[in-house]
Amino acid sequence: MNIWAKMMTALRGGINEAGEAVVDGQALRILDQEVRDASEELKLSKNGLAEIMARQKLAEEKCTTLQAGVDEHEGYAVKALEKGDEPLAREVAEKMADLEAQYAQEKEAAENYTASATKLRSAIKQTEHNIKRLKQQVDTVKATENVQRAQAAVADRHSGSNSKMRTAMDSLERIKEKQALKDAQMSAASELAEDASDNSLQEKLEEAGITSASNSADDILERLKRKNS
């Protein structure tokens, strides 16, 4: 296979895949339309059955009328023979032959209509059963589709909620960290303030001569003498 043939094959494959994707995406809509088409065909079949039954009835009525004509002319022929008028009896017999031929034709037509109506009635009954089952299955498919769509929506929302929850937890941790840092800073500032206050007090005491920053050698020696005396 040359390169152009391969490219054409790939193109046909792509078109086929695109067509299948469209069909899959519109599957329920297509299925609904197919059910409607089948129902419309069933309606047409019922109309056809009604027409066949009407023709059957007309044929049977014609058979009844023709049979009555045959019986009537048979009586005429018998009376003509009884009177010895054979030519008239023959003419009546010819009329009877025509009526009997029409009767046979209409009877055959009526029988054909009856057979056709029987077959069509059976087909209609089976089609009605099939359409009923198909509609039930379509309803089941639609219900399943709705449930799956709802489940997918719940799953999406749950996934989104988890993501938002993680984001909220991260934000909360950052806020706590900032608050802890601020508390530490405030404590440190307080400690620095206390140290500054103690230094200031020590300086004031030293300036007043109440205490000194350090002991001199003379002070230490004097203290030792007092202990030994």
Protein backbone atom coordinates (compact mmCIF):
# COMPACT_ATOMS: atom_id res chain seq x y z
CA MET A 1 0.00 0.00 0.00
CA ASN A 2 1.52 3.35 -1.03
CA ILE A 3 1.56 6.47 1.10
CA TRP A 4 -1.49 8.05 -0.56
CA ALA A 5 -3.60 4.95 -0.05
CA LYS A 6 -2.55 4.87 3.61
CA MET A 7 -3.45 8.53 4.00
CA MET A 8 -6.89 7.95 2.46
CA THR A 9 -7.43 4.96 4.75
CA ALA A 10 -6.44 7.05 7.77
CA LEU A 11 -8.78 9.83 6.62
CA ARG A 12 -11.69 7.42 6.28
CA GLY A 13 -10.86 6.05 9.71
CA GLY A 14 -10.89 9.54 11.18
CA ILE A 15 -14.22 10.33 9.54
CA ASN A 16 -15.66 7.06 10.84
CA GLU A 17 -14.44 7.82 14.37
CA ALA A 18 -15.89 11.33 14.20
CA GLY A 19 -19.20 9.90 12.99
CA GLU A 20 -19.24 7.37 15.81
CA ALA A 21 -18.49 10.14 18.32
CA VAL A 22 -21.44 12.16 17.03
CA VAL A 23 -23.70 9.11 17.17
CA ASP A 24 -22.56 8.28 20.71
CA GLY A 25 -23.10 11.87 21.82
CA GLN A 26 -26.64 11.91 20.41
CA ALA A 27 -27.46 8.27 21.21
CA LEU A 28 -30.56 8.97 23.33
CA ARG A 29 -31.92 11.50 20.85
CA ILE A 30 -31.36 9.07 17.97
CA LEU A 31 -32.98 6.28 19.98
CA ASP A 32 -36.04 8.43 20.70
CA GLN A 33 -36.36 9.25 17.01
CA GLU A 34 -36.05 5.59 16.06
CA VAL A 35 -38.85 4.73 18.49
CA ARG A 36 -41.00 7.49 16.99
CA ASP A 37 -40.25 6.19 13.49
CA ALA A 38 -41.22 2.66 14.53
CA SER A 39 -44.45 3.98 16.09
CA GLU A 40 -45.23 5.87 12.89
CA GLU A 41 -44.64 2.73 10.82
CA LEU A 42 -46.93 0.85 13.17
CA LYS A 43 -49.61 3.50 12.65
CA LEU A 44 -49.29 3.14 8.87
CA SER A 45 -49.53 -0.64 9.21
CA LYS A 46 -52.74 -0.29 11.21
CA ASN A 47 -54.15 1.99 8.52
CA GLY A 48 -53.20 -0.61 5.92
CA LEU A 49 -54.87 -3.32 7.98
CA ALA A 50 -58.04 -1.26 8.21
CA GLU A 51 -58.05 -0.83 4.43
CA ILE A 52 -57.53 -4.56 3.83
CA MET A 53 -60.31 -5.42 6.25
CA ALA A 54 -62.61 -2.95 4.48
CA ARG A 55 -61.82 -4.52 1.09
CA GLN A 56 -62.35 -7.97 2.59
CA LYS A 57 -65.77 -6.92 3.84
CA LEU A 58 -66.73 -5.46 0.45
CA ALA A 59 -65.61 -8.64 -1.32
CA GLU A 60 -67.62 -10.78 1.07
CA GLU A 61 -70.67 -8.56 0.53
CA LYS A 62 -70.23 -8.89 -3.23
CA CYS A 63 -69.99 -12.66 -2.84
CA THR A 64 -73.27 -12.65 -0.93
CA THR A 65 -74.95 -10.50 -3.60
CA LEU A 66 -73.57 -12.60 -6.47
CA GLN A 67 -74.61 -15.85 -4.81
CA ALA A 68 -78.10 -14.46 -4.39
CA GLY A 69 -78.10 -13.56 -8.12
CA VAL A 70 -76.97 -17.06 -9.05
CA ASP A 71 -79.73 -18.60 -6.91
CA GLU A 72 -82.30 -16.22 -8.38
CA HIS A 73 -81.35 -16.97 -12.01
CA GLU A 74 -81.23 -20.67 -11.31
CA GLY A 75 -84.90 -20.45 -10.43
CA TYR A 76 -85.58 -18.56 -13.67
CA ALA A 77 -83.77 -21.23 -15.68
CA VAL A 78 -85.78 -24.02 -14.06
CA LYS A 79 -89.06 -22.26 -14.82
CA ALA A 80 -87.98 -21.68 -18.43
CA LEU A 81 -87.21 -25.36 -18.84
CA GLU A 82 -90.52 -26.27 -17.25
CA LYS A 83 -92.25 -24.16 -19.93
CA GLY A 84 -90.15 -25.79 -22.63
CA ASP A 85 -88.39 -22.53 -23.50
CA GLU A 86 -84.87 -23.88 -23.82
CA PRO A 87 -83.42 -20.80 -25.59
CA LEU A 88 -84.53 -18.63 -22.66
CA ALA A 89 -83.20 -21.20 -20.22
CA ARG A 90 -79.85 -21.11 -22.04
CA GLU A 91 -79.73 -17.33 -21.91
CA VAL A 92 -80.40 -17.47 -18.17
CA ALA A 93 -77.71 -20.15 -17.79
CA GLU A 94 -75.20 -17.88 -19.53
CA LYS A 95 -76.06 -15.13 -17.05
CA MET A 96 -75.58 -17.61 -14.22
CA ALA A 97 -72.18 -18.58 -15.60
CA ASP A 98 -71.12 -14.91 -15.60
CA LEU A 99 -72.39 -14.43 -12.05
CA GLU A 100 -70.63 -17.57 -10.86
CA ALA A 101 -67.37 -16.40 -12.45
CA GLN A 102 -67.66 -13.05 -10.67
CA TYR A 103 -68.51 -14.88 -7.46
CA ALA A 104 -65.40 -17.08 -7.74
CA GLN A 105 -63.27 -14.00 -8.39
CA GLU A 106 -64.65 -12.06 -5.44
CA LYS A 107 -64.43 -15.11 -3.18
CA GLU A 108 -60.76 -15.54 -4.05
CA ALA A 109 -60.19 -11.85 -3.40
CA ALA A 110 -61.99 -12.08 -0.05
CA GLU A 111 -59.89 -15.10 0.94
CA ASN A 112 -56.69 -13.28 -0.04
CA TYR A 113 -57.74 -10.23 1.96
CA THR A 114 -58.52 -12.48 4.93
CA ALA A 115 -55.10 -14.13 4.76
CA SER A 116 -53.33 -10.78 4.39
CA ALA A 117 -55.29 -9.29 7.28
CA THR A 118 -54.44 -12.26 9.49
CA LYS A 119 -50.71 -11.97 8.72
CA LEU A 120 -50.68 -8.19 9.11
CA ARG A 121 -52.64 -8.38 12.36
CA SER A 122 -50.07 -10.82 13.75
CA ALA A 123 -47.20 -8.59 12.61
CA ILE A 124 -48.83 -5.53 14.17
CA LYS A 125 -49.31 -7.35 17.45
CA GLN A 126 -45.66 -8.40 17.50
CA THR A 127 -44.54 -4.90 16.56
CA GLU A 128 -46.64 -3.37 19.34
CA HIS A 129 -45.03 -5.78 21.80
CA ASN A 130 -41.55 -4.93 20.52
CA ILE A 131 -42.18 -1.17 20.68
CA LYS A 132 -43.54 -1.49 24.21
CA ARG A 133 -40.41 -3.37 25.30
CA LEU A 134 -38.22 -0.89 23.46
CA LYS A 135 -39.89 2.06 25.20
CA GLN A 136 -39.41 0.38 28.57
CA GLN A 137 -35.73 -0.17 27.80
CA VAL A 138 -35.39 3.42 26.61
CA ASP A 139 -36.91 4.61 29.89
CA THR A 140 -34.44 2.42 31.77
CA VAL A 141 -31.52 3.78 29.73
CA LYS A 142 -32.69 7.36 30.33
CA ALA A 143 -33.04 6.74 34.06
CA THR A 144 -29.56 5.23 34.17
CA GLU A 145 -28.21 8.17 32.19
CA ASN A 146 -29.78 10.64 34.64
CA VAL A 147 -28.41 8.73 37.64
CA GLN A 148 -24.92 8.60 36.14
CA ARG A 149 -25.08 12.30 35.28
CA ALA A 150 -26.12 13.09 38.86
CA GLN A 151 -23.36 10.88 40.24
CA ALA A 152 -20.81 12.59 38.00
CA ALA A 153 -22.04 16.00 39.18
CA VAL A 154 -21.77 14.91 42.81
CA ALA A 155 -18.29 13.54 42.18
CA ASP A 156 -17.25 16.80 40.54
CA ARG A 157 -18.66 18.84 43.40
CA HIS A 158 -16.98 16.56 45.93
CA SER A 159 -13.68 16.90 44.11
CA GLY A 160 -14.14 20.66 44.02
CA SER A 161 -15.08 20.71 47.70
CA ASN A 162 -11.96 18.75 48.60
CA SER A 163 -9.85 21.16 46.60
CA LYS A 164 -11.50 24.14 48.26
CA MET A 165 -11.14 22.48 51.65
CA ARG A 166 -7.43 21.97 51.09
CA THR A 167 -7.10 25.60 50.02
CA ALA A 168 -9.01 26.74 53.11
CA MET A 169 -6.84 24.60 55.38
CA ASP A 170 -3.69 26.03 53.82
CA SER A 171 -5.04 29.55 54.33
CA LEU A 172 -5.91 28.73 57.94
CA GLU A 173 -2.42 27.38 58.60
CA ARG A 174 -0.87 30.52 57.13
CA ILE A 175 -3.08 32.71 59.33
CA LYS A 176 -2.14 30.69 62.42
CA GLU A 177 1.53 30.94 61.54
CA LYS A 178 1.28 34.73 61.15
CA GLN A 179 -0.58 35.01 64.44
CA ALA A 180 2.04 32.88 66.22
CA LEU A 181 4.81 35.01 64.76
CA LYS A 182 3.06 38.17 65.87
CA ASP A 183 2.61 36.77 69.39
CA ALA A 184 6.32 35.92 69.53
CA GLN A 185 7.21 39.39 68.34
CA MET A 186 4.96 40.99 70.99
CA SER A 187 6.49 38.77 73.73
CA ALA A 188 9.99 39.67 72.61
CA ALA A 189 9.09 43.34 72.61
CA SER A 190 7.66 43.00 76.11
CA GLU A 191 10.80 41.28 77.36
CA LEU A 192 12.95 44.00 75.80
CA ALA A 193 10.80 46.64 77.50
CA GLU A 194 11.20 44.93 80.90
CA ASP A 195 14.97 44.72 80.45
CA ALA A 196 15.08 48.39 79.56
CA SER A 197 13.01 49.19 82.68
CA ASP A 198 15.35 47.19 84.99
CA ASN A 199 18.42 48.91 83.54
CA SER A 200 16.85 52.30 84.10
CA LEU A 201 16.07 51.45 87.75
CA GLN A 202 19.61 50.19 88.39
CA GLU A 203 21.04 53.36 86.96
CA LYS A 204 18.80 55.48 89.19
CA LEU A 205 19.87 53.49 92.30
CA GLU A 206 23.53 53.85 91.47
CA GLU A 207 23.16 57.57 90.91
CA ALA A 208 21.48 57.89 94.34
CA GLY A 209 24.40 56.03 95.96
CA ILE A 210 22.07 53.30 97.18
CA THR A 211 23.83 50.59 95.25
CA SER A 212 26.84 50.38 93.05
CA ALA A 213 27.41 48.72 89.77
CA SER A 214 30.31 46.64 91.23
CA ASN A 215 32.26 45.99 94.47
CA SER A 216 35.82 47.38 94.76
CA ALA A 217 38.76 45.50 96.31
CA ASP A 218 38.58 47.78 99.36
CA ASP A 219 34.91 46.90 99.88
CA ILE A 220 35.66 43.19 99.68
CA LEU A 221 38.62 43.48 102.09
CA GLU A 222 36.52 45.45 104.60
CA ARG A 223 33.80 42.81 104.44
CA LEU A 224 36.30 40.06 105.18
CA LYS A 225 37.68 41.95 108.17
CA ARG A 226 34.21 42.26 109.64
CA LYS A 227 33.68 38.54 109.32
CA ASN A 228 36.98 37.74 111.14
CA SER A 229 36.51 40.24 114.02
